[in-house]
């Protein structure tokens, strides 16, 4: 992503010590396990997933189905 405003926001959250709190909030929203420390990239990824879940939940469902199919194929290959 090359959005300067978004990059500045994420960098500002990180420098202000608020990035972990935002990461925790979005993980809770997505019903994901929490972590002690968040990277800028992981928070951005979670925020994109949360946005897609709100706007196009069908895409998130398709992603989850695709991942499940992929892991099933991987398990049968070994």
N, C-alpha and C. Protein backbone atom coordinates (compact mmCIF):
# COMPACT_ATOMS: atom_id res chain seq x y z
N UNK A 1 0.84 -1.17 0.00
CA UNK A 1 0.00 0.00 0.00
C UNK A 1 0.89 1.24 0.00
N UNK A 2 0.53 2.18 -0.81
CA UNK A 2 1.35 3.38 -0.89
C UNK A 2 0.52 4.63 -0.60
N UNK A 3 -0.33 4.53 0.37
CA UNK A 3 -1.15 5.66 0.78
C UNK A 3 -0.39 6.43 1.86
N UNK A 4 0.08 7.61 1.52
CA UNK A 4 0.91 8.39 2.46
C UNK A 4 0.16 8.74 3.73
N UNK A 5 -1.10 9.09 3.60
CA UNK A 5 -1.87 9.45 4.79
C UNK A 5 -2.05 8.26 5.73
N UNK A 6 -2.35 7.11 5.15
CA UNK A 6 -2.50 5.91 5.96
C UNK A 6 -1.17 5.50 6.59
N UNK A 7 -0.11 5.60 5.82
CA UNK A 7 1.22 5.29 6.35
C UNK A 7 1.56 6.22 7.51
N UNK A 8 1.24 7.49 7.37
CA UNK A 8 1.52 8.45 8.44
C UNK A 8 0.68 8.14 9.68
N UNK A 9 -0.57 7.75 9.47
CA UNK A 9 -1.42 7.39 10.60
C UNK A 9 -0.85 6.19 11.36
N UNK A 10 -0.49 5.15 10.64
CA UNK A 10 0.04 3.95 11.27
C UNK A 10 1.37 4.26 11.97
N UNK A 11 2.22 5.01 11.30
CA UNK A 11 3.50 5.40 11.91
C UNK A 11 3.25 6.22 13.18
N UNK A 12 2.30 7.15 13.11
CA UNK A 12 1.97 7.96 14.28
C UNK A 12 1.43 7.14 15.43
N UNK A 13 0.56 6.17 15.12
CA UNK A 13 0.07 5.28 16.16
C UNK A 13 1.20 4.50 16.81
N UNK A 14 2.12 4.04 15.99
CA UNK A 14 3.27 3.29 16.48
C UNK A 14 4.14 4.17 17.38
N UNK A 15 4.46 5.36 16.91
CA UNK A 15 5.32 6.26 17.67
C UNK A 15 4.66 6.74 18.96
N UNK A 16 3.33 6.82 18.96
CA UNK A 16 2.60 7.25 20.16
C UNK A 16 2.32 6.08 21.11
N UNK A 17 2.76 4.88 20.73
CA UNK A 17 2.54 3.72 21.57
C UNK A 17 1.11 3.21 21.56
N UNK A 18 0.36 3.52 20.52
CA UNK A 18 -1.04 3.11 20.44
C UNK A 18 -1.29 1.99 19.42
N UNK A 19 -0.26 1.59 18.70
CA UNK A 19 -0.44 0.58 17.66
C UNK A 19 -0.89 -0.76 18.25
N UNK A 20 -0.31 -1.15 19.36
CA UNK A 20 -0.70 -2.42 19.98
C UNK A 20 -2.16 -2.39 20.41
N UNK A 21 -2.63 -1.26 20.93
CA UNK A 21 -4.03 -1.15 21.36
C UNK A 21 -4.98 -1.26 20.17
N UNK A 22 -4.61 -0.63 19.06
CA UNK A 22 -5.43 -0.74 17.85
C UNK A 22 -5.43 -2.19 17.36
N UNK A 23 -4.25 -2.82 17.39
CA UNK A 23 -4.16 -4.22 16.99
C UNK A 23 -5.03 -5.11 17.87
N UNK A 24 -5.01 -4.87 19.16
CA UNK A 24 -5.84 -5.64 20.09
C UNK A 24 -7.32 -5.43 19.79
N UNK A 25 -7.71 -4.17 19.56
CA UNK A 25 -9.12 -3.87 19.26
C UNK A 25 -9.59 -4.59 18.00
N UNK A 26 -8.79 -4.53 16.95
CA UNK A 26 -9.22 -5.15 15.69
C UNK A 26 -9.17 -6.67 15.79
N UNK A 27 -8.22 -7.22 16.55
CA UNK A 27 -8.20 -8.67 16.76
C UNK A 27 -9.46 -9.12 17.51
N UNK A 28 -9.87 -8.35 18.51
CA UNK A 28 -11.09 -8.68 19.24
C UNK A 28 -12.30 -8.59 18.32
N UNK A 29 -12.35 -7.56 17.49
CA UNK A 29 -13.44 -7.39 16.53
C UNK A 29 -13.54 -8.59 15.59
N UNK A 30 -12.38 -9.09 15.15
CA UNK A 30 -12.34 -10.21 14.22
C UNK A 30 -12.37 -11.56 14.93
N UNK A 31 -12.43 -11.54 16.26
CA UNK A 31 -12.42 -12.76 17.07
C UNK A 31 -11.16 -13.58 16.82
N UNK A 32 -10.03 -12.89 16.88
CA UNK A 32 -8.73 -13.53 16.68
C UNK A 32 -7.96 -13.52 17.99
N UNK A 33 -7.00 -14.43 18.10
CA UNK A 33 -6.14 -14.45 19.28
C UNK A 33 -5.35 -13.16 19.36
N UNK A 34 -5.16 -12.68 20.59
CA UNK A 34 -4.39 -11.45 20.78
C UNK A 34 -2.90 -11.79 20.87
N UNK A 35 -2.10 -10.77 20.71
CA UNK A 35 -0.65 -10.91 20.79
C UNK A 35 -0.11 -9.75 21.60
N UNK A 36 1.08 -9.90 22.14
CA UNK A 36 1.66 -8.85 22.97
C UNK A 36 2.11 -7.64 22.18
N UNK A 37 2.57 -7.87 20.97
CA UNK A 37 3.13 -6.79 20.17
C UNK A 37 2.68 -6.93 18.72
N UNK A 38 2.35 -5.81 18.10
CA UNK A 38 1.89 -5.80 16.72
C UNK A 38 2.90 -5.07 15.84
N UNK A 39 3.07 -5.56 14.63
CA UNK A 39 3.87 -4.83 13.65
C UNK A 39 2.92 -3.92 12.87
N UNK A 40 3.48 -2.95 12.21
CA UNK A 40 2.65 -2.06 11.38
C UNK A 40 1.94 -2.86 10.31
N UNK A 41 2.66 -3.78 9.69
CA UNK A 41 2.08 -4.59 8.62
C UNK A 41 0.96 -5.48 9.10
N UNK A 42 1.12 -6.07 10.27
CA UNK A 42 0.06 -6.95 10.77
C UNK A 42 -1.20 -6.16 11.11
N UNK A 43 -1.04 -4.96 11.67
CA UNK A 43 -2.21 -4.14 11.98
C UNK A 43 -2.89 -3.70 10.69
N UNK A 44 -2.13 -3.32 9.70
CA UNK A 44 -2.73 -2.94 8.41
C UNK A 44 -3.51 -4.11 7.81
N UNK A 45 -2.93 -5.29 7.84
CA UNK A 45 -3.61 -6.47 7.32
C UNK A 45 -4.91 -6.75 8.05
N UNK A 46 -4.87 -6.64 9.37
CA UNK A 46 -6.08 -6.85 10.17
C UNK A 46 -7.14 -5.80 9.87
N UNK A 47 -6.71 -4.55 9.71
CA UNK A 47 -7.66 -3.49 9.41
C UNK A 47 -8.29 -3.68 8.03
N UNK A 48 -7.51 -4.14 7.07
CA UNK A 48 -8.08 -4.43 5.74
C UNK A 48 -9.10 -5.55 5.85
N UNK A 49 -8.76 -6.59 6.59
CA UNK A 49 -9.68 -7.72 6.77
C UNK A 49 -10.97 -7.26 7.47
N UNK A 50 -10.84 -6.40 8.49
CA UNK A 50 -12.03 -5.89 9.19
C UNK A 50 -12.88 -5.05 8.25
N UNK A 51 -12.25 -4.23 7.43
CA UNK A 51 -12.99 -3.42 6.47
C UNK A 51 -13.71 -4.28 5.46
N UNK A 52 -13.04 -5.30 4.94
CA UNK A 52 -13.69 -6.20 3.99
C UNK A 52 -14.83 -6.97 4.64
N UNK A 53 -14.65 -7.33 5.90
CA UNK A 53 -15.71 -8.05 6.61
C UNK A 53 -16.97 -7.20 6.72
N UNK A 54 -16.79 -5.90 6.81
CA UNK A 54 -17.94 -5.00 6.90
C UNK A 54 -18.56 -4.74 5.52
N UNK A 55 -17.72 -4.53 4.53
CA UNK A 55 -18.20 -4.12 3.21
C UNK A 55 -18.56 -5.30 2.33
N UNK A 56 -17.72 -6.33 2.33
CA UNK A 56 -17.92 -7.50 1.47
C UNK A 56 -17.63 -8.79 2.23
N UNK A 57 -18.49 -9.17 3.16
CA UNK A 57 -18.24 -10.37 3.94
C UNK A 57 -18.12 -11.63 3.08
N UNK A 58 -18.70 -11.61 1.89
CA UNK A 58 -18.60 -12.76 1.00
C UNK A 58 -17.15 -13.02 0.59
N UNK A 59 -16.36 -11.97 0.46
CA UNK A 59 -14.95 -12.15 0.10
C UNK A 59 -14.18 -12.81 1.23
N UNK A 60 -14.49 -12.44 2.44
CA UNK A 60 -13.82 -13.04 3.60
C UNK A 60 -14.20 -14.52 3.69
N UNK A 61 -15.45 -14.84 3.48
CA UNK A 61 -15.89 -16.23 3.51
C UNK A 61 -15.21 -17.04 2.42
N UNK A 62 -15.09 -16.48 1.23
CA UNK A 62 -14.42 -17.17 0.13
C UNK A 62 -12.95 -17.39 0.46
N UNK A 63 -12.32 -16.42 1.10
CA UNK A 63 -10.92 -16.55 1.51
C UNK A 63 -10.76 -17.68 2.51
N UNK A 64 -11.65 -17.74 3.48
CA UNK A 64 -11.58 -18.79 4.50
C UNK A 64 -11.82 -20.16 3.88
N UNK A 65 -12.76 -20.26 2.96
CA UNK A 65 -13.02 -21.53 2.28
C UNK A 65 -11.81 -21.96 1.46
N UNK A 66 -11.20 -21.01 0.77
CA UNK A 66 -10.02 -21.31 -0.03
C UNK A 66 -8.86 -21.77 0.83
N UNK A 67 -8.67 -21.14 1.97
CA UNK A 67 -7.59 -21.54 2.87
C UNK A 67 -7.83 -22.95 3.41
N UNK A 68 -9.07 -23.23 3.75
CA UNK A 68 -9.42 -24.56 4.25
C UNK A 68 -9.13 -25.63 3.19
N UNK A 69 -9.52 -25.36 1.95
CA UNK A 69 -9.24 -26.29 0.86
C UNK A 69 -7.75 -26.48 0.67
N UNK A 70 -6.99 -25.39 0.73
CA UNK A 70 -5.54 -25.45 0.58
C UNK A 70 -4.91 -26.32 1.66
N UNK A 71 -5.30 -26.12 2.92
CA UNK A 71 -4.70 -26.89 4.01
C UNK A 71 -5.09 -28.36 3.92
N UNK A 72 -6.30 -28.65 3.47
CA UNK A 72 -6.70 -30.04 3.31
C UNK A 72 -5.84 -30.72 2.25
N UNK A 73 -5.56 -30.02 1.16
CA UNK A 73 -4.71 -30.59 0.11
C UNK A 73 -3.29 -30.81 0.61
N UNK A 74 -2.79 -29.87 1.39
CA UNK A 74 -1.44 -30.00 1.92
C UNK A 74 -1.34 -31.22 2.83
N UNK A 75 -2.36 -31.46 3.66
CA UNK A 75 -2.35 -32.58 4.59
C UNK A 75 -2.38 -33.91 3.84
N UNK A 76 -3.09 -33.99 2.74
CA UNK A 76 -3.18 -35.25 2.02
C UNK A 76 -1.94 -35.55 1.20
N UNK A 77 -1.11 -34.53 0.96
CA UNK A 77 0.10 -34.74 0.18
C UNK A 77 1.23 -35.32 1.02
N UNK A 78 1.12 -35.26 2.32
CA UNK A 78 2.21 -35.76 3.17
C UNK A 78 1.84 -37.03 3.81
